[in-house]
Amino acid sequence: MGIAQNLKATHTVGESVRRVADEVAGVDNRVTGVDEKVASVGDKVASVDNAVKGVDDRVANVDERVRVVGDRVTEVIRGA
């Protein structure tokens, strides 16, 4: 192989390596995008969890109030 052919072969390999590197970078960017979306979904799930906890706390508060009212009704019935 002559010098010109070696240079052409090296140039072709270099082009191929650059194309593969560009493709890998593109895949990496897409993976990063997916990671960001997954993190966003995780944040939304945490937000929903917090909202559900708030509802649970409110239900527990209502349950306690109902229990207190029930106790008072029982006291009134016993006193009658």
PDB file of N, CA and C in Angstrom:
ATOM      1  N   MET A   1       0.844  -1.170   0.000  1.00  0.00           N
ATOM      2  CA  MET A   1       0.000   0.000   0.000  1.00  0.00           C
ATOM      3  C   MET A   1       0.889   1.233   0.000  1.00  0.00           C
ATOM      4  N   GLY A   2       0.521   2.191  -0.824  1.00  0.00           N
ATOM      5  CA  GLY A   2       1.307   3.415  -0.880  1.00  0.00           C
ATOM      6  C   GLY A   2       0.869   4.401   0.181  1.00  0.00           C
ATOM      7  N   ILE A   3       1.626   5.473   0.305  1.00  0.00           N
ATOM      8  CA  ILE A   3       1.335   6.511   1.299  1.00  0.00           C
ATOM      9  C   ILE A   3      -0.055   7.107   1.063  1.00  0.00           C
ATOM     10  N   ALA A   4      -0.396   7.355  -0.179  1.00  0.00           N
ATOM     11  CA  ALA A   4      -1.703   7.937  -0.506  1.00  0.00           C
ATOM     12  C   ALA A   4      -2.826   7.008  -0.069  1.00  0.00           C
ATOM     13  N   GLN A   5      -2.656   5.710  -0.307  1.00  0.00           N
ATOM     14  CA  GLN A   5      -3.690   4.748   0.088  1.00  0.00           C
ATOM     15  C   GLN A   5      -3.789   4.661   1.608  1.00  0.00           C
ATOM     16  N   ASN A   6      -2.652   4.691   2.280  1.00  0.00           N
ATOM     17  CA  ASN A   6      -2.661   4.674   3.751  1.00  0.00           C
ATOM     18  C   ASN A   6      -3.380   5.889   4.298  1.00  0.00           C
ATOM     19  N   LEU A   7      -3.097   7.063   3.715  1.00  0.00           N
ATOM     20  CA  LEU A   7      -3.751   8.289   4.168  1.00  0.00           C
ATOM     21  C   LEU A   7      -5.255   8.219   3.925  1.00  0.00           C
ATOM     22  N   LYS A   8      -5.660   7.685   2.753  1.00  0.00           N
ATOM     23  CA  LYS A   8      -7.080   7.561   2.441  1.00  0.00           C
ATOM     24  C   LYS A   8      -7.745   6.592   3.413  1.00  0.00           C
ATOM     25  N   ALA A   9      -7.108   5.460   3.673  1.00  0.00           N
ATOM     26  CA  ALA A   9      -7.658   4.475   4.610  1.00  0.00           C
ATOM     27  C   ALA A   9      -7.769   5.091   6.007  1.00  0.00           C
ATOM     28  N   THR A  10      -6.742   5.810   6.428  1.00  0.00           N
ATOM     29  CA  THR A  10      -6.759   6.465   7.742  1.00  0.00           C
ATOM     30  C   THR A  10      -7.874   7.501   7.801  1.00  0.00           C
ATOM     31  N   HIS A  11      -8.038   8.259   6.716  1.00  0.00           N
ATOM     32  CA  HIS A  11      -9.099   9.270   6.656  1.00  0.00           C
ATOM     33  C   HIS A  11     -10.470   8.603   6.762  1.00  0.00           C
ATOM     34  N   THR A  12     -10.654   7.489   6.055  1.00  0.00           N
ATOM     35  CA  THR A  12     -11.935   6.772   6.081  1.00  0.00           C
ATOM     36  C   THR A  12     -12.220   6.236   7.479  1.00  0.00           C
ATOM     37  N   VAL A  13     -11.209   5.660   8.114  1.00  0.00           N
ATOM     38  CA  VAL A  13     -11.372   5.158   9.484  1.00  0.00           C
ATOM     39  C   VAL A  13     -11.685   6.319  10.423  1.00  0.00           C
ATOM     40  N   GLY A  14     -10.973   7.426  10.248  1.00  0.00           N
ATOM     41  CA  GLY A  14     -11.236   8.600  11.093  1.00  0.00           C
ATOM     42  C   GLY A  14     -12.663   9.092  10.928  1.00  0.00           C
ATOM     43  N   GLU A  15     -13.157   9.118   9.684  1.00  0.00           N
ATOM     44  CA  GLU A  15     -14.547   9.528   9.416  1.00  0.00           C
ATOM     45  C   GLU A  15     -15.515   8.583  10.127  1.00  0.00           C
ATOM     46  N   SER A  16     -15.234   7.288  10.011  1.00  0.00           N
ATOM     47  CA  SER A  16     -16.099   6.288  10.647  1.00  0.00           C
ATOM     48  C   SER A  16     -16.106   6.463  12.156  1.00  0.00           C
ATOM     49  N   VAL A  17     -14.947   6.688  12.727  1.00  0.00           N
ATOM     50  CA  VAL A  17     -14.842   6.890  14.179  1.00  0.00           C
ATOM     51  C   VAL A  17     -15.621   8.135  14.583  1.00  0.00           C
ATOM     52  N   ARG A  18     -15.502   9.222  13.802  1.00  0.00           N
ATOM     53  CA  ARG A  18     -16.239  10.451  14.108  1.00  0.00           C
ATOM     54  C   ARG A  18     -17.754  10.215  14.037  1.00  0.00           C
ATOM     55  N   ARG A  19     -18.207   9.478  13.009  1.00  0.00           N
ATOM     56  CA  ARG A  19     -19.640   9.193  12.878  1.00  0.00           C
ATOM     57  C   ARG A  19     -20.146   8.366  14.064  1.00  0.00           C
ATOM     58  N   VAL A  20     -19.367   7.361  14.434  1.00  0.00           N
ATOM     59  CA  VAL A  20     -19.757   6.537  15.585  1.00  0.00           C
ATOM     60  C   VAL A  20     -19.784   7.393  16.855  1.00  0.00           C
ATOM     61  N   ALA A  21     -18.794   8.248  17.013  1.00  0.00           N
ATOM     62  CA  ALA A  21     -18.753   9.128  18.187  1.00  0.00           C
ATOM     63  C   ALA A  21     -19.966  10.057  18.206  1.00  0.00           C
ATOM     64  N   ASP A  22     -20.347  10.576  17.048  1.00  0.00           N
ATOM     65  CA  ASP A  22     -21.537  11.429  16.958  1.00  0.00           C
ATOM     66  C   ASP A  22     -22.796  10.644  17.328  1.00  0.00           C
ATOM     67  N   GLU A  23     -22.882   9.406  16.842  1.00  0.00           N
ATOM     68  CA  GLU A  23     -24.040   8.578  17.162  1.00  0.00           C
ATOM     69  C   GLU A  23     -24.086   8.263  18.656  1.00  0.00           C
ATOM     70  N   VAL A  24     -22.939   7.952  19.224  1.00  0.00           N
ATOM     71  CA  VAL A  24     -22.870   7.674  20.665  1.00  0.00           C
ATOM     72  C   VAL A  24     -23.283   8.916  21.450  1.00  0.00           C
ATOM     73  N   ALA A  25     -22.823  10.076  21.026  1.00  0.00           N
ATOM     74  CA  ALA A  25     -23.201  11.325  21.701  1.00  0.00           C
ATOM     75  C   ALA A  25     -24.709  11.540  21.597  1.00  0.00           C
ATOM     76  N   GLY A  26     -25.280  11.225  20.436  1.00  0.00           N
ATOM     77  CA  GLY A  26     -26.731  11.354  20.269  1.00  0.00           C
ATOM     78  C   GLY A  26     -27.490  10.422  21.193  1.00  0.00           C
ATOM     79  N   VAL A  27     -27.012   9.188  21.296  1.00  0.00           N
ATOM     80  CA  VAL A  27     -27.649   8.229  22.204  1.00  0.00           C
ATOM     81  C   VAL A  27     -27.509   8.712  23.642  1.00  0.00           C
ATOM     82  N   ASP A  28     -26.327   9.194  23.984  1.00  0.00           N
ATOM     83  CA  ASP A  28     -26.097   9.708  25.338  1.00  0.00           C
ATOM     84  C   ASP A  28     -27.056  10.849  25.650  1.00  0.00           C
ATOM     85  N   ASN A  29     -27.264  11.745  24.699  1.00  0.00           N
ATOM     86  CA  ASN A  29     -28.205  12.851  24.902  1.00  0.00           C
ATOM     87  C   ASN A  29     -29.625  12.336  25.088  1.00  0.00           C
ATOM     88  N   ARG A  30     -29.997  11.315  24.329  1.00  0.00           N
ATOM     89  CA  ARG A  30     -31.346  10.755  24.485  1.00  0.00           C
ATOM     90  C   ARG A  30     -31.490  10.078  25.839  1.00  0.00           C
ATOM     91  N   VAL A  31     -30.456   9.368  26.271  1.00  0.00           N
ATOM     92  CA  VAL A  31     -30.494   8.725  27.593  1.00  0.00           C
ATOM     93  C   VAL A  31     -30.610   9.790  28.684  1.00  0.00           C
ATOM     94  N   THR A  32     -29.861  10.866  28.536  1.00  0.00           N
ATOM     95  CA  THR A  32     -29.948  11.962  29.507  1.00  0.00           C
ATOM     96  C   THR A  32     -31.368  12.520  29.526  1.00  0.00           C
ATOM     97  N   GLY A  33     -31.981  12.662  28.357  1.00  0.00           N
ATOM     98  CA  GLY A  33     -33.360  13.143  28.288  1.00  0.00           C
ATOM     99  C   GLY A  33     -34.316  12.200  29.002  1.00  0.00           C
ATOM    100  N   VAL A  34     -34.102  10.901  28.816  1.00  0.00           N
ATOM    101  CA  VAL A  34     -34.952   9.917  29.503  1.00  0.00           C
ATOM    102  C   VAL A  34     -34.732  10.008  31.014  1.00  0.00           C
ATOM    103  N   ASP A  35     -33.481  10.130  31.434  1.00  0.00           N
ATOM    104  CA  ASP A  35     -33.186  10.271  32.869  1.00  0.00           C
ATOM    105  C   ASP A  35     -33.913  11.469  33.458  1.00  0.00           C
ATOM    106  N   GLU A  36     -33.912  12.586  32.723  1.00  0.00           N
ATOM    107  CA  GLU A  36     -34.589  13.786  33.205  1.00  0.00           C
ATOM    108  C   GLU A  36     -36.094  13.558  33.299  1.00  0.00           C
ATOM    109  N   LYS A  37     -36.650  12.845  32.319  1.00  0.00           N
ATOM    110  CA  LYS A  37     -38.087  12.556  32.364  1.00  0.00           C
ATOM    111  C   LYS A  37     -38.424  11.645  33.531  1.00  0.00           C
ATOM    112  N   VAL A  38     -37.571  10.639  33.771  1.00  0.00           N
ATOM    113  CA  VAL A  38     -37.792   9.738  34.904  1.00  0.00           C
ATOM    114  C   VAL A  38     -37.720  10.520  36.216  1.00  0.00           C
ATOM    115  N   ALA A  39     -36.766  11.427  36.323  1.00  0.00           N
ATOM    116  CA  ALA A  39     -36.655  12.252  37.534  1.00  0.00           C
ATOM    117  C   ALA A  39     -37.899  13.104  37.700  1.00  0.00           C
ATOM    118  N   SER A  40     -38.411  13.643  36.594  1.00  0.00           N
ATOM    119  CA  SER A  40     -39.621  14.453  36.646  1.00  0.00           C
ATOM    120  C   SER A  40     -40.818  13.627  37.117  1.00  0.00           C
ATOM    121  N   VAL A  41     -40.909  12.404  36.598  1.00  0.00           N
ATOM    122  CA  VAL A  41     -41.992  11.514  37.036  1.00  0.00           C
ATOM    123  C   VAL A  41     -41.836  11.205  38.524  1.00  0.00           C
ATOM    124  N   GLY A  42     -40.600  10.980  38.950  1.00  0.00           N
ATOM    125  CA  GLY A  42     -40.347  10.731  40.380  1.00  0.00           C
ATOM    126  C   GLY A  42     -40.788  11.899  41.238  1.00  0.00           C
ATOM    127  N   ASP A  43     -40.524  13.115  40.773  1.00  0.00           N
ATOM    128  CA  ASP A  43     -40.968  14.304  41.498  1.00  0.00           C
ATOM    129  C   ASP A  43     -42.490  14.365  41.570  1.00  0.00           C
ATOM    130  N   LYS A  44     -43.137  14.026  40.463  1.00  0.00           N
ATOM    131  CA  LYS A  44     -44.609  14.041  40.441  1.00  0.00           C
ATOM    132  C   LYS A  44     -45.179  12.985  41.367  1.00  0.00           C
ATOM    133  N   VAL A  45     -44.556  11.802  41.394  1.00  0.00           N
ATOM    134  CA  VAL A  45     -45.009  10.738  42.294  1.00  0.00           C
ATOM    135  C   VAL A  45     -44.860  11.194  43.750  1.00  0.00           C
ATOM    136  N   ALA A  46     -43.746  11.840  44.062  1.00  0.00           N
ATOM    137  CA  ALA A  46     -43.535  12.346  45.422  1.00  0.00           C
ATOM    138  C   ALA A  46     -44.601  13.383  45.770  1.00  0.00           C
ATOM    139  N   SER A  47     -44.945  14.223  44.809  1.00  0.00           N
ATOM    140  CA  SER A  47     -45.971  15.231  45.033  1.00  0.00           C
ATOM    141  C   SER A  47     -47.325  14.579  45.308  1.00  0.00           C
ATOM    142  N   VAL A  48     -47.639  13.545  44.519  1.00  0.00           N
ATOM    143  CA  VAL A  48     -48.902  12.826  44.733  1.00  0.00           C
ATOM    144  C   VAL A  48     -48.885  12.138  46.092  1.00  0.00           C
ATOM    145  N   ASP A  49     -47.751  11.539  46.453  1.00  0.00           N
ATOM    146  CA  ASP A  49     -47.628  10.898  47.765  1.00  0.00           C
ATOM    147  C   ASP A  49     -47.900  11.901  48.879  1.00  0.00           C
ATOM    148  N   ASN A  50     -47.339  13.101  48.745  1.00  0.00           N
ATOM    149  CA  ASN A  50     -47.572  14.142  49.753  1.00  0.00           C
ATOM    150  C   ASN A  50     -49.040  14.538  49.814  1.00  0.00           C
ATOM    151  N   ALA A  51     -49.670  14.640  48.650  1.00  0.00           N
ATOM    152  CA  ALA A  51     -51.092  14.994  48.611  1.00  0.00           C
ATOM    153  C   ALA A  51     -51.932  13.901  49.272  1.00  0.00           C
ATOM    154  N   VAL A  52     -51.601  12.638  48.993  1.00  0.00           N
ATOM    155  CA  VAL A  52     -52.328  11.519  49.606  1.00  0.00           C
ATOM    156  C   VAL A  52     -52.121  11.529  51.110  1.00  0.00           C
ATOM    157  N   LYS A  53     -50.898  11.813  51.550  1.00  0.00           N
ATOM    158  CA  LYS A  53     -50.636  11.888  52.995  1.00  0.00           C
ATOM    159  C   LYS A  53     -51.485  12.989  53.623  1.00  0.00           C
ATOM    160  N   GLY A  54     -51.596  14.120  52.922  1.00  0.00           N
ATOM    161  CA  GLY A  54     -52.438  15.202  53.434  1.00  0.00           C
ATOM    162  C   GLY A  54     -53.890  14.778  53.556  1.00  0.00           C
ATOM    163  N   VAL A  55     -54.376  14.037  52.570  1.00  0.00           N
ATOM    164  CA  VAL A  55     -55.751  13.534  52.619  1.00  0.00           C
ATOM    165  C   VAL A  55     -55.893  12.536  53.764  1.00  0.00           C
ATOM    166  N   ASP A  56     -54.923  11.653  53.908  1.00  0.00           N
ATOM    167  CA  ASP A  56     -54.958  10.683  55.015  1.00  0.00           C
ATOM    168  C   ASP A  56     -55.022  11.398  56.363  1.00  0.00           C
ATOM    169  N   ASP A  57     -54.225  12.459  56.513  1.00  0.00           N
ATOM    170  CA  ASP A  57     -54.235  13.220  57.760  1.00  0.00           C
ATOM    171  C   ASP A  57     -55.607  13.843  58.011  1.00  0.00           C
ATOM    172  N   ARG A  58     -56.218  14.365  56.949  1.00  0.00           N
ATOM    173  CA  ARG A  58     -57.552  14.969  57.094  1.00  0.00           C
ATOM    174  C   ARG A  58     -58.598  13.928  57.467  1.00  0.00           C
ATOM    175  N   VAL A  59     -58.513  12.755  56.828  1.00  0.00           N
ATOM    176  CA  VAL A  59     -59.450  11.676  57.148  1.00  0.00           C
ATOM    177  C   VAL A  59     -59.271  11.253  58.601  1.00  0.00           C
ATOM    178  N   ALA A  60     -58.037  11.132  59.048  1.00  0.00           N
ATOM    179  CA  ALA A  60     -57.774  10.759  60.443  1.00  0.00           C
ATOM    180  C   ALA A  60     -58.353  11.815  61.391  1.00  0.00           C
ATOM    181  N   ASN A  61     -58.228  13.084  61.007  1.00  0.00           N
ATOM    182  CA  ASN A  61     -58.784  14.167  61.823  1.00  0.00           C
ATOM    183  C   ASN A  61     -60.303  14.051  61.900  1.00  0.00           C
ATOM    184  N   VAL A  62     -60.945  13.773  60.757  1.00  0.00           N
ATOM    185  CA  VAL A  62     -62.402  13.608  60.736  1.00  0.00           C
ATOM    186  C   VAL A  62     -62.797  12.388  61.568  1.00  0.00           C
ATOM    187  N   ASP A  63     -62.054  11.302  61.433  1.00  0.00           N
ATOM    188  CA  ASP A  63     -62.335  10.097  62.233  1.00  0.00           C
ATOM    189  C   ASP A  63     -62.293  10.420  63.725  1.00  0.00           C
ATOM    190  N   GLU A  64     -61.295  11.181  64.139  1.00  0.00           N
ATOM    191  CA  GLU A  64     -61.169  11.548  65.554  1.00  0.00           C
ATOM    192  C   GLU A  64     -62.348  12.405  65.993  1.00  0.00           C
ATOM    193  N   ARG A  65     -62.742  13.344  65.158  1.00  0.00           N
ATOM    194  CA  ARG A  65     -63.899  14.195  65.502  1.00  0.00           C
ATOM    195  C   ARG A  65     -65.177  13.370  65.617  1.00  0.00           C
ATOM    196  N   VAL A  66     -65.354  12.412  64.700  1.00  0.00           N
ATOM    197  CA  VAL A  66     -66.532  11.540  64.757  1.00  0.00           C
ATOM    198  C   VAL A  66     -66.498  10.715  66.038  1.00  0.00           C
ATOM    199  N   ARG A  67     -65.335  10.234  66.412  1.00  0.00           N
ATOM    200  CA  ARG A  67     -65.215   9.454  67.654  1.00  0.00           C
ATOM    201  C   ARG A  67     -65.589  10.299  68.859  1.00  0.00           C
ATOM    202  N   VAL A  68     -65.112  11.548  68.902  1.00  0.00           N
ATOM    203  CA  VAL A  68     -65.420  12.455  70.014  1.00  0.00           C
ATOM    204  C   VAL A  68     -66.922  12.718  70.076  1.00  0.00           C
ATOM    205  N   VAL A  69     -67.535  12.964  68.927  1.00  0.00           N
ATOM    206  CA  VAL A  69     -68.982  13.200  68.903  1.00  0.00           C
ATOM    207  C   VAL A  69     -69.717  11.948  69.358  1.00  0.00           C
ATOM    208  N   GLY A  70     -69.249  10.790  68.900  1.00  0.00           N
ATOM    209  CA  GLY A  70     -69.879   9.532  69.322  1.00  0.00           C
ATOM    210  C   GLY A  70     -69.784   9.343  70.824  1.00  0.00           C
ATOM    211  N   ASP A  71     -68.624   9.682  71.405  1.00  0.00           N
ATOM    212  CA  ASP A  71     -68.461   9.585  72.864  1.00  0.00           C
ATOM    213  C   ASP A  71     -69.430  10.515  73.570  1.00  0.00           C
ATOM    214  N   ARG A  72     -69.598  11.711  73.069  1.00  0.00           N
ATOM    215  CA  ARG A  72     -70.520  12.675  73.692  1.00  0.00           C
ATOM    216  C   ARG A  72     -71.971  12.189  73.591  1.00  0.00           C
ATOM    217  N   VAL A  73     -72.325  11.638  72.419  1.00  0.00           N
ATOM    218  CA  VAL A  73     -73.683  11.107  72.255  1.00  0.00           C
ATOM    219  C   VAL A  73     -73.899   9.974  73.263  1.00  0.00           C
ATOM    220  N   THR A  74     -72.923   9.108  73.417  1.00  0.00           N
ATOM    221  CA  THR A  74     -73.023   8.012  74.386  1.00  0.00           C
ATOM    222  C   THR A  74     -73.218   8.547  75.786  1.00  0.00           C
ATOM    223  N   GLU A  75     -72.478   9.608  76.155  1.00  0.00           N
ATOM    224  CA  GLU A  75     -72.612  10.217  77.487  1.00  0.00           C
ATOM    225  C   GLU A  75     -74.017  10.784  77.667  1.00  0.00           C
ATOM    226  N   VAL A  76     -74.560  11.424  76.642  1.00  0.00           N
ATOM    227  CA  VAL A  76     -75.890  12.005  76.723  1.00  0.00           C
ATOM    228  C   VAL A  76     -76.930  10.905  76.891  1.00  0.00           C
ATOM    229  N   ILE A  77     -76.774   9.816  76.158  1.00  0.00           N
ATOM    230  CA  ILE A  77     -77.725   8.705  76.247  1.00  0.00           C
ATOM    231  C   ILE A  77     -77.674   8.078  77.631  1.00  0.00           C
ATOM    232  N   ARG A  78     -76.480   7.918  78.178  1.00  0.00           N
ATOM    233  CA  ARG A  78     -76.346   7.326  79.521  1.00  0.00           C
ATOM    234  C   ARG A  78     -76.919   8.249  80.600  1.00  0.00           C
ATOM    235  N   GLY A  79     -76.797   9.539  80.369  1.00  0.00           N
ATOM    236  CA  GLY A  79     -77.292  10.511  81.347  1.00  0.00           C
ATOM    237  C   GLY A  79     -78.799  10.684  81.291  1.00  0.00           C
ATOM    238  N   ALA A  80     -79.425  10.253  80.211  1.00  0.00           N
ATOM    239  CA  ALA A  80     -80.870  10.474  80.042  1.00  0.00           C
ATOM    240  C   ALA A  80     -81.697   9.526  80.825  1.00  0.00           C
TER     241      ALA A  80
END
